[in-house]
Amino acid sequence: MTDPTHPRRAGTFAWQRALLAASPADIGATSAAAARTTKLVGLALSVYANADGGSITVGQTRLARDANLTTRAVRACLHDLRNTSWIIRTRHGARSARAQTDAHALAIPLTSQPSEPTP
């Protein structure tokens, strides 16, 4: 498990490469199939990020449609990505009659970051 208080914000392309290289355990998946689904949702989410990996305000219904999944599956994947520090919730959406989506930013957990070479 990663330290959720110290993930490093990441640009979209660097984040996508890191997510694709991550092991199932790195993304909180209990099986290879769950890892594939979580990575798919992560990549679909990253399509809506700006170049620096922020300002993601896409809803779960849109992500479910993009990934051909149920909203329940998307919700579970977003939960795993947040719990393992691959995404950071930057704003909680309103839970009212006119629902607003949460806002997210992409981040690379410390355990998935390449280590600095030692001189």
C-alpha atoms as a PDB file:
ATOM      1  CA  MET A   1       0.000   0.000   0.000  1.00  0.00           C
ATOM      2  CA  THR A   2       1.226   3.510  -0.723  1.00  0.00           C
ATOM      3  CA  ASP A   3       1.376   6.557   1.481  1.00  0.00           C
ATOM      4  CA  PRO A   4      -1.707   8.517   0.365  1.00  0.00           C
ATOM      5  CA  THR A   5      -0.462  11.755   1.913  1.00  0.00           C
ATOM      6  CA  HIS A   6       2.573  12.111  -0.355  1.00  0.00           C
ATOM      7  CA  PRO A   7       1.748  11.185  -3.960  1.00  0.00           C
ATOM      8  CA  ARG A   8       3.490  13.201  -6.661  1.00  0.00           C
ATOM      9  CA  ARG A   9       1.255  15.059  -9.131  1.00  0.00           C
ATOM     10  CA  ALA A  10       1.966  13.898 -12.655  1.00  0.00           C
ATOM     11  CA  GLY A  11       1.422  14.994 -16.225  1.00  0.00           C
ATOM     12  CA  THR A  12      -1.019  12.936 -18.234  1.00  0.00           C
ATOM     13  CA  PHE A  13       1.438  10.965 -20.378  1.00  0.00           C
ATOM     14  CA  ALA A  14       3.843  10.187 -17.519  1.00  0.00           C
ATOM     15  CA  TRP A  15       0.882   9.047 -15.423  1.00  0.00           C
ATOM     16  CA  GLN A  16      -0.454   6.804 -18.184  1.00  0.00           C
ATOM     17  CA  ARG A  17       2.968   5.144 -18.620  1.00  0.00           C
ATOM     18  CA  ALA A  18       3.324   4.616 -14.857  1.00  0.00           C
ATOM     19  CA  LEU A  19      -0.197   3.171 -14.541  1.00  0.00           C
ATOM     20  CA  LEU A  20       0.370   0.745 -17.406  1.00  0.00           C
ATOM     21  CA  ALA A  21       3.620  -0.442 -15.771  1.00  0.00           C
ATOM     22  CA  ALA A  22       2.013  -0.853 -12.327  1.00  0.00           C
ATOM     23  CA  SER A  23       1.470  -4.299 -10.855  1.00  0.00           C
ATOM     24  CA  PRO A  24      -2.010  -5.382  -9.714  1.00  0.00           C
ATOM     25  CA  ALA A  25      -0.962  -4.830  -6.074  1.00  0.00           C
ATOM     26  CA  ASP A  26       0.172  -1.275  -6.906  1.00  0.00           C
ATOM     27  CA  ILE A  27      -3.368  -0.356  -7.919  1.00  0.00           C
ATOM     28  CA  GLY A  28      -5.163  -2.278  -5.191  1.00  0.00           C
ATOM     29  CA  ALA A  29      -6.410  -5.064  -7.463  1.00  0.00           C
ATOM     30  CA  THR A  30      -6.894  -8.570  -6.111  1.00  0.00           C
ATOM     31  CA  SER A  31      -6.668 -10.291  -9.509  1.00  0.00           C
ATOM     32  CA  ALA A  32      -5.317  -9.742 -12.996  1.00  0.00           C
ATOM     33  CA  ALA A  33      -8.866  -9.154 -14.267  1.00  0.00           C
ATOM     34  CA  ALA A  34      -9.519  -6.501 -11.616  1.00  0.00           C
ATOM     35  CA  ALA A  35      -6.194  -4.851 -12.493  1.00  0.00           C
ATOM     36  CA  ARG A  36      -7.154  -4.685 -16.173  1.00  0.00           C
ATOM     37  CA  THR A  37     -10.504  -3.107 -15.321  1.00  0.00           C
ATOM     38  CA  THR A  38      -8.952  -0.566 -12.950  1.00  0.00           C
ATOM     39  CA  LYS A  39      -6.298   0.353 -15.519  1.00  0.00           C
ATOM     40  CA  LEU A  40      -8.999   0.747 -18.182  1.00  0.00           C
ATOM     41  CA  VAL A  41     -10.981   3.115 -15.964  1.00  0.00           C
ATOM     42  CA  GLY A  42      -7.788   4.997 -15.086  1.00  0.00           C
ATOM     43  CA  LEU A  43      -6.879   5.452 -18.734  1.00  0.00           C
ATOM     44  CA  ALA A  44     -10.435   6.529 -19.581  1.00  0.00           C
ATOM     45  CA  LEU A  45     -10.276   9.045 -16.726  1.00  0.00           C
ATOM     46  CA  SER A  46      -6.927  10.395 -17.941  1.00  0.00           C
ATOM     47  CA  VAL A  47      -8.442  11.271 -21.327  1.00  0.00           C
ATOM     48  CA  TYR A  48     -10.360  14.037 -19.547  1.00  0.00           C
ATOM     49  CA  ALA A  49      -7.282  15.472 -17.755  1.00  0.00           C
ATOM     50  CA  ASN A  50      -5.449  18.533 -18.949  1.00  0.00           C
ATOM     51  CA  ALA A  51      -1.742  18.229 -19.875  1.00  0.00           C
ATOM     52  CA  ASP A  52      -0.544  18.626 -16.280  1.00  0.00           C
ATOM     53  CA  GLY A  53      -2.899  15.877 -15.075  1.00  0.00           C
ATOM     54  CA  GLY A  54      -5.456  18.072 -13.335  1.00  0.00           C
ATOM     55  CA  SER A  55      -8.947  19.440 -13.804  1.00  0.00           C
ATOM     56  CA  ILE A  56     -10.685  16.089 -14.289  1.00  0.00           C
ATOM     57  CA  THR A  57     -14.421  16.554 -13.836  1.00  0.00           C
ATOM     58  CA  VAL A  58     -15.884  13.686 -15.846  1.00  0.00           C
ATOM     59  CA  GLY A  59     -18.793  11.818 -14.288  1.00  0.00           C
ATOM     60  CA  GLN A  60     -19.058   8.131 -13.500  1.00  0.00           C
ATOM     61  CA  THR A  61     -21.815   7.621 -16.063  1.00  0.00           C
ATOM     62  CA  ARG A  62     -19.602   8.973 -18.858  1.00  0.00           C
ATOM     63  CA  LEU A  63     -16.648   6.827 -17.720  1.00  0.00           C
ATOM     64  CA  ALA A  64     -18.898   3.754 -17.602  1.00  0.00           C
ATOM     65  CA  ARG A  65     -20.082   4.438 -21.139  1.00  0.00           C
ATOM     66  CA  ASP A  66     -16.509   5.048 -22.392  1.00  0.00           C
ATOM     67  CA  ALA A  67     -15.190   1.830 -20.819  1.00  0.00           C
ATOM     68  CA  ASN A  68     -18.293  -0.325 -21.465  1.00  0.00           C
ATOM     69  CA  LEU A  69     -18.664  -0.972 -17.744  1.00  0.00           C
ATOM     70  CA  THR A  70     -21.362  -0.425 -15.149  1.00  0.00           C
ATOM     71  CA  THR A  71     -21.269   2.683 -12.977  1.00  0.00           C
ATOM     72  CA  ARG A  72     -20.829   0.348 -10.000  1.00  0.00           C
ATOM     73  CA  ALA A  73     -17.638  -1.074 -11.549  1.00  0.00           C
ATOM     74  CA  VAL A  74     -16.366   2.431 -12.309  1.00  0.00           C
ATOM     75  CA  ARG A  75     -17.091   3.535  -8.737  1.00  0.00           C
ATOM     76  CA  ALA A  76     -15.109   0.570  -7.381  1.00  0.00           C
ATOM     77  CA  CYS A  77     -12.168   1.308  -9.675  1.00  0.00           C
ATOM     78  CA  LEU A  78     -12.135   5.006  -8.744  1.00  0.00           C
ATOM     79  CA  HIS A  79     -12.183   3.962  -5.089  1.00  0.00           C
ATOM     80  CA  ASP A  80      -9.147   1.719  -5.656  1.00  0.00           C
ATOM     81  CA  LEU A  81      -7.297   4.431  -7.598  1.00  0.00           C
ATOM     82  CA  ARG A  82      -7.951   6.965  -4.809  1.00  0.00           C
ATOM     83  CA  ASN A  83      -6.986   4.537  -2.024  1.00  0.00           C
ATOM     84  CA  THR A  84      -3.682   3.706  -3.713  1.00  0.00           C
ATOM     85  CA  SER A  85      -2.962   7.394  -4.476  1.00  0.00           C
ATOM     86  CA  TRP A  86      -3.134   7.147  -8.275  1.00  0.00           C
ATOM     87  CA  ILE A  87      -5.733   9.926  -8.272  1.00  0.00           C
ATOM     88  CA  ILE A  88      -6.357  12.743  -5.823  1.00  0.00           C
ATOM     89  CA  ARG A  89      -9.834  14.105  -5.247  1.00  0.00           C
ATOM     90  CA  THR A  90      -9.459  17.889  -5.472  1.00  0.00           C
ATOM     91  CA  ARG A  91     -13.141  18.730  -4.981  1.00  0.00           C
ATOM     92  CA  HIS A  92     -16.121  16.810  -3.640  1.00  0.00           C
ATOM     93  CA  GLY A  93     -19.121  17.075  -5.910  1.00  0.00           C
ATOM     94  CA  ALA A  94     -22.450  18.285  -4.578  1.00  0.00           C
ATOM     95  CA  ARG A  95     -24.849  15.549  -3.521  1.00  0.00           C
ATOM     96  CA  SER A  96     -28.065  17.327  -4.403  1.00  0.00           C
ATOM     97  CA  ALA A  97     -30.847  17.175  -6.948  1.00  0.00           C
ATOM     98  CA  ARG A  98     -28.432  18.698  -9.469  1.00  0.00           C
ATOM     99  CA  ALA A  99     -25.471  16.410  -8.831  1.00  0.00           C
ATOM    100  CA  GLN A 100     -22.012  17.741  -9.516  1.00  0.00           C
ATOM    101  CA  THR A 101     -19.108  15.423 -10.185  1.00  0.00           C
ATOM    102  CA  ASP A 102     -16.007  15.167  -8.039  1.00  0.00           C
ATOM    103  CA  ALA A 103     -12.860  16.755  -9.452  1.00  0.00           C
ATOM    104  CA  HIS A 104      -9.651  14.730  -9.574  1.00  0.00           C
ATOM    105  CA  ALA A 105      -5.988  15.111 -10.445  1.00  0.00           C
ATOM    106  CA  LEU A 106      -3.556  12.423 -11.548  1.00  0.00           C
ATOM    107  CA  ALA A 107      -0.758  11.430  -9.166  1.00  0.00           C
ATOM    108  CA  ILE A 108       1.937   8.790  -9.026  1.00  0.00           C
ATOM    109  CA  PRO A 109       2.234   7.042  -5.649  1.00  0.00           C
ATOM    110  CA  LEU A 110       5.666   7.149  -4.045  1.00  0.00           C
ATOM    111  CA  THR A 111       6.091   3.382  -4.323  1.00  0.00           C
ATOM    112  CA  SER A 112       5.540   3.538  -8.095  1.00  0.00           C
ATOM    113  CA  GLN A 113       7.936   6.410  -8.765  1.00  0.00           C
ATOM    114  CA  PRO A 114      11.324   5.581 -10.228  1.00  0.00           C
ATOM    115  CA  SER A 115      14.086   6.030  -7.704  1.00  0.00           C
ATOM    116  CA  GLU A 116      16.724   8.677  -8.232  1.00  0.00           C
ATOM    117  CA  PRO A 117      20.090   7.306  -9.347  1.00  0.00           C
ATOM    118  CA  THR A 118      22.776   7.495  -6.702  1.00  0.00           C
ATOM    119  CA  PRO A 119      25.947   9.336  -7.703  1.00  0.00           C
END
